[in-house]
């Protein structure tokens, strides 16, 4: 299988522990940042930053973008593919 340069860039981006654990927590279903922080053991500001970065890359999406608090995030199909590739590399 040929992996494009863009895919390598995303896989490299995902090497961060917080980004990966946030994305993995969303595999089980939509979550709020507070729930993700509790599940992953990461500090809420780190989770919030990771959610923003992952969203910019198209790996997750906010289901409630107009809410100022308790936004709900879900993984995208692209996010699932990236996790699958990361697991192959482990």
N, C-alpha and C. Protein backbone atom coordinates (compact mmCIF):
# COMPACT_ATOMS: atom_id res chain seq x y z
N UNK A 1 0.84 -1.18 0.00
CA UNK A 1 0.00 0.00 0.00
C UNK A 1 0.88 1.24 0.00
N UNK A 2 0.60 2.16 -0.86
CA UNK A 2 1.36 3.40 -0.94
C UNK A 2 0.70 4.44 -0.04
N UNK A 3 1.50 5.00 0.84
CA UNK A 3 0.98 6.04 1.73
C UNK A 3 1.49 7.37 1.22
N UNK A 4 0.58 8.30 0.95
CA UNK A 4 0.95 9.60 0.41
C UNK A 4 1.64 10.45 1.46
N UNK A 5 2.28 11.50 0.99
CA UNK A 5 2.98 12.43 1.88
C UNK A 5 2.02 13.05 2.89
N UNK A 6 0.81 13.37 2.46
CA UNK A 6 -0.19 13.95 3.36
C UNK A 6 -0.54 12.99 4.49
N UNK A 7 -0.66 11.71 4.17
CA UNK A 7 -0.98 10.72 5.19
C UNK A 7 0.17 10.63 6.20
N UNK A 8 1.41 10.65 5.70
CA UNK A 8 2.56 10.62 6.62
C UNK A 8 2.55 11.83 7.54
N UNK A 9 2.17 12.98 6.99
CA UNK A 9 2.11 14.20 7.80
C UNK A 9 1.09 14.04 8.92
N UNK A 10 -0.06 13.49 8.62
CA UNK A 10 -1.09 13.30 9.64
C UNK A 10 -0.65 12.26 10.65
N UNK A 11 -0.04 11.17 10.20
CA UNK A 11 0.43 10.15 11.13
C UNK A 11 1.50 10.72 12.07
N UNK A 12 2.35 11.57 11.55
CA UNK A 12 3.36 12.23 12.37
C UNK A 12 2.69 13.16 13.39
N UNK A 13 1.71 13.92 12.94
CA UNK A 13 0.95 14.82 13.80
C UNK A 13 0.29 14.05 14.94
N UNK A 14 -0.14 12.83 14.67
CA UNK A 14 -0.87 12.03 15.65
C UNK A 14 0.03 11.31 16.66
N UNK A 15 1.33 11.49 16.56
CA UNK A 15 2.23 10.83 17.51
C UNK A 15 2.12 11.42 18.91
N UNK A 16 1.53 12.59 19.04
CA UNK A 16 1.32 13.18 20.36
C UNK A 16 0.36 12.33 21.19
N UNK A 17 0.74 12.05 22.42
CA UNK A 17 -0.07 11.19 23.30
C UNK A 17 -1.48 11.76 23.51
N UNK A 18 -1.58 13.04 23.75
CA UNK A 18 -2.88 13.64 24.02
C UNK A 18 -3.80 13.57 22.81
N UNK A 19 -3.28 13.91 21.64
CA UNK A 19 -4.12 13.87 20.43
C UNK A 19 -4.65 12.46 20.20
N UNK A 20 -3.76 11.49 20.32
CA UNK A 20 -4.18 10.11 20.07
C UNK A 20 -5.20 9.64 21.10
N UNK A 21 -4.95 9.92 22.38
CA UNK A 21 -5.89 9.45 23.40
C UNK A 21 -7.25 10.14 23.27
N UNK A 22 -7.25 11.40 22.86
CA UNK A 22 -8.52 12.10 22.64
C UNK A 22 -9.28 11.45 21.49
N UNK A 23 -8.59 11.19 20.39
CA UNK A 23 -9.25 10.57 19.24
C UNK A 23 -9.75 9.17 19.59
N UNK A 24 -8.95 8.40 20.33
CA UNK A 24 -9.36 7.05 20.72
C UNK A 24 -10.59 7.09 21.63
N UNK A 25 -10.67 8.09 22.50
CA UNK A 25 -11.83 8.17 23.39
C UNK A 25 -13.12 8.42 22.62
N UNK A 26 -13.01 9.07 21.47
CA UNK A 26 -14.19 9.35 20.66
C UNK A 26 -14.62 8.16 19.81
N UNK A 27 -13.77 7.15 19.71
CA UNK A 27 -14.16 5.93 18.99
C UNK A 27 -15.37 5.27 19.64
N UNK A 28 -15.50 5.44 20.93
CA UNK A 28 -16.57 4.79 21.69
C UNK A 28 -17.88 5.56 21.63
N UNK A 29 -17.84 6.75 21.02
CA UNK A 29 -19.05 7.54 20.88
C UNK A 29 -18.78 9.01 21.15
N UNK A 30 -19.75 9.88 20.82
CA UNK A 30 -19.60 11.31 21.03
C UNK A 30 -19.39 11.65 22.52
N UNK A 31 -18.57 12.66 22.77
CA UNK A 31 -18.23 13.04 24.14
C UNK A 31 -18.02 14.55 24.25
N UNK A 32 -18.13 15.05 25.48
CA UNK A 32 -17.78 16.44 25.77
C UNK A 32 -16.30 16.49 26.18
N UNK A 33 -15.68 17.66 26.12
CA UNK A 33 -14.29 17.77 26.55
C UNK A 33 -14.07 17.30 27.99
N UNK A 34 -14.98 17.59 28.88
CA UNK A 34 -14.83 17.18 30.29
C UNK A 34 -14.83 15.66 30.42
N UNK A 35 -15.71 15.01 29.70
CA UNK A 35 -15.76 13.54 29.75
C UNK A 35 -14.48 12.96 29.17
N UNK A 36 -14.01 13.54 28.07
CA UNK A 36 -12.77 13.07 27.45
C UNK A 36 -11.60 13.23 28.42
N UNK A 37 -11.54 14.38 29.09
CA UNK A 37 -10.46 14.61 30.07
C UNK A 37 -10.50 13.56 31.16
N UNK A 38 -11.69 13.24 31.64
CA UNK A 38 -11.82 12.22 32.68
C UNK A 38 -11.43 10.84 32.19
N UNK A 39 -11.78 10.53 30.96
CA UNK A 39 -11.45 9.21 30.39
C UNK A 39 -9.96 9.04 30.14
N UNK A 40 -9.31 10.13 29.70
CA UNK A 40 -7.91 10.04 29.28
C UNK A 40 -6.93 10.40 30.39
N UNK A 41 -7.41 11.08 31.42
CA UNK A 41 -6.50 11.54 32.48
C UNK A 41 -5.72 12.78 32.09
N UNK A 42 -6.08 13.38 30.97
CA UNK A 42 -5.41 14.60 30.50
C UNK A 42 -6.09 15.82 31.11
N UNK A 43 -5.34 16.91 31.25
CA UNK A 43 -5.92 18.16 31.75
C UNK A 43 -6.85 18.75 30.69
N UNK A 44 -7.93 19.36 31.14
CA UNK A 44 -8.95 19.90 30.24
C UNK A 44 -8.38 20.87 29.20
N UNK A 45 -7.48 21.80 29.57
CA UNK A 45 -6.93 22.69 28.53
C UNK A 45 -6.17 21.93 27.43
N UNK A 46 -5.49 20.85 27.81
CA UNK A 46 -4.77 20.04 26.81
C UNK A 46 -5.77 19.33 25.90
N UNK A 47 -6.85 18.83 26.48
CA UNK A 47 -7.89 18.17 25.68
C UNK A 47 -8.53 19.18 24.74
N UNK A 48 -8.82 20.36 25.22
CA UNK A 48 -9.44 21.39 24.38
C UNK A 48 -8.55 21.76 23.20
N UNK A 49 -7.26 21.91 23.46
CA UNK A 49 -6.32 22.22 22.38
C UNK A 49 -6.27 21.08 21.36
N UNK A 50 -6.22 19.84 21.87
CA UNK A 50 -6.18 18.68 20.97
C UNK A 50 -7.46 18.60 20.14
N UNK A 51 -8.59 18.86 20.74
CA UNK A 51 -9.86 18.84 20.00
C UNK A 51 -9.84 19.86 18.87
N UNK A 52 -9.32 21.03 19.15
CA UNK A 52 -9.24 22.07 18.13
C UNK A 52 -8.31 21.64 16.99
N UNK A 53 -7.15 21.11 17.34
CA UNK A 53 -6.19 20.66 16.33
C UNK A 53 -6.73 19.51 15.49
N UNK A 54 -7.36 18.55 16.15
CA UNK A 54 -7.91 17.39 15.45
C UNK A 54 -9.07 17.79 14.54
N UNK A 55 -9.84 18.76 15.00
CA UNK A 55 -10.95 19.26 14.20
C UNK A 55 -10.43 19.95 12.94
N UNK A 56 -9.37 20.74 13.08
CA UNK A 56 -8.77 21.43 11.93
C UNK A 56 -8.27 20.44 10.88
N UNK A 57 -7.82 19.26 11.32
CA UNK A 57 -7.31 18.23 10.40
C UNK A 57 -8.43 17.36 9.83
N UNK A 58 -9.67 17.57 10.30
CA UNK A 58 -10.80 16.80 9.78
C UNK A 58 -10.93 15.41 10.39
N UNK A 59 -10.28 15.19 11.54
CA UNK A 59 -10.31 13.88 12.17
C UNK A 59 -11.47 13.74 13.16
N UNK A 60 -12.06 14.84 13.52
CA UNK A 60 -13.26 14.84 14.36
C UNK A 60 -14.07 16.06 14.02
N UNK A 61 -15.29 16.09 14.52
CA UNK A 61 -16.13 17.25 14.29
C UNK A 61 -16.94 17.56 15.52
N UNK A 62 -17.25 18.83 15.67
CA UNK A 62 -18.10 19.27 16.78
C UNK A 62 -19.54 19.18 16.31
N UNK A 63 -20.35 18.47 17.08
CA UNK A 63 -21.75 18.28 16.73
C UNK A 63 -22.61 19.46 17.20
N UNK A 64 -22.06 20.26 18.12
CA UNK A 64 -22.80 21.39 18.69
C UNK A 64 -21.96 22.67 18.60
N UNK A 65 -21.60 23.11 17.40
CA UNK A 65 -20.68 24.25 17.25
C UNK A 65 -21.21 25.58 17.79
N UNK A 66 -22.51 25.71 17.92
CA UNK A 66 -23.07 26.97 18.41
C UNK A 66 -23.14 27.04 19.94
N UNK A 67 -22.82 25.97 20.61
CA UNK A 67 -22.81 25.96 22.08
C UNK A 67 -21.51 26.57 22.57
N UNK A 68 -21.61 27.36 23.63
CA UNK A 68 -20.39 27.94 24.19
C UNK A 68 -19.79 27.01 25.25
N UNK A 69 -20.58 26.12 25.80
CA UNK A 69 -20.11 25.15 26.80
C UNK A 69 -20.64 23.77 26.45
N UNK A 70 -19.96 22.76 26.99
CA UNK A 70 -20.38 21.37 26.81
C UNK A 70 -20.61 20.98 25.35
N UNK A 71 -19.68 21.40 24.51
CA UNK A 71 -19.74 20.99 23.11
C UNK A 71 -19.56 19.48 23.03
N UNK A 72 -20.18 18.89 22.05
CA UNK A 72 -20.09 17.44 21.86
C UNK A 72 -19.32 17.16 20.58
N UNK A 73 -18.31 16.31 20.71
CA UNK A 73 -17.44 15.98 19.58
C UNK A 73 -17.62 14.52 19.19
N UNK A 74 -17.40 14.25 17.90
CA UNK A 74 -17.43 12.87 17.42
C UNK A 74 -16.31 12.66 16.40
N UNK A 75 -15.85 11.44 16.30
CA UNK A 75 -14.79 11.09 15.36
C UNK A 75 -15.39 11.02 13.95
N UNK A 76 -14.58 11.39 12.97
CA UNK A 76 -15.02 11.28 11.57
C UNK A 76 -14.49 9.97 10.99
N UNK A 77 -14.95 9.64 9.81
CA UNK A 77 -14.46 8.44 9.13
C UNK A 77 -12.95 8.56 8.88
N UNK A 78 -12.50 9.75 8.54
CA UNK A 78 -11.07 9.98 8.33
C UNK A 78 -10.30 9.74 9.63
N UNK A 79 -10.87 10.15 10.75
CA UNK A 79 -10.24 9.90 12.05
C UNK A 79 -10.12 8.41 12.34
N UNK A 80 -11.15 7.65 11.99
CA UNK A 80 -11.10 6.20 12.18
C UNK A 80 -10.00 5.56 11.32
N UNK A 81 -9.87 6.05 10.10
CA UNK A 81 -8.83 5.54 9.21
C UNK A 81 -7.44 5.82 9.76
N UNK A 82 -7.26 7.03 10.28
CA UNK A 82 -5.96 7.40 10.84
C UNK A 82 -5.63 6.52 12.04
N UNK A 83 -6.60 6.28 12.92
CA UNK A 83 -6.36 5.39 14.07
C UNK A 83 -6.00 3.98 13.60
N UNK A 84 -6.65 3.51 12.56
CA UNK A 84 -6.34 2.19 12.02
C UNK A 84 -4.90 2.14 11.53
N UNK A 85 -4.45 3.16 10.84
CA UNK A 85 -3.07 3.20 10.34
C UNK A 85 -2.07 3.28 11.50
N UNK A 86 -2.42 4.06 12.53
CA UNK A 86 -1.54 4.18 13.69
C UNK A 86 -1.39 2.82 14.38
N UNK A 87 -2.47 2.09 14.46
CA UNK A 87 -2.43 0.78 15.11
C UNK A 87 -1.59 -0.23 14.31
N UNK A 88 -1.62 -0.08 12.99
CA UNK A 88 -0.78 -0.94 12.16
C UNK A 88 0.70 -0.66 12.42
N UNK A 89 1.01 0.59 12.76
CA UNK A 89 2.40 0.99 13.00
C UNK A 89 2.90 0.57 14.37
N UNK A 90 1.98 0.32 15.31
CA UNK A 90 2.38 -0.03 16.69
C UNK A 90 3.07 -1.36 16.76
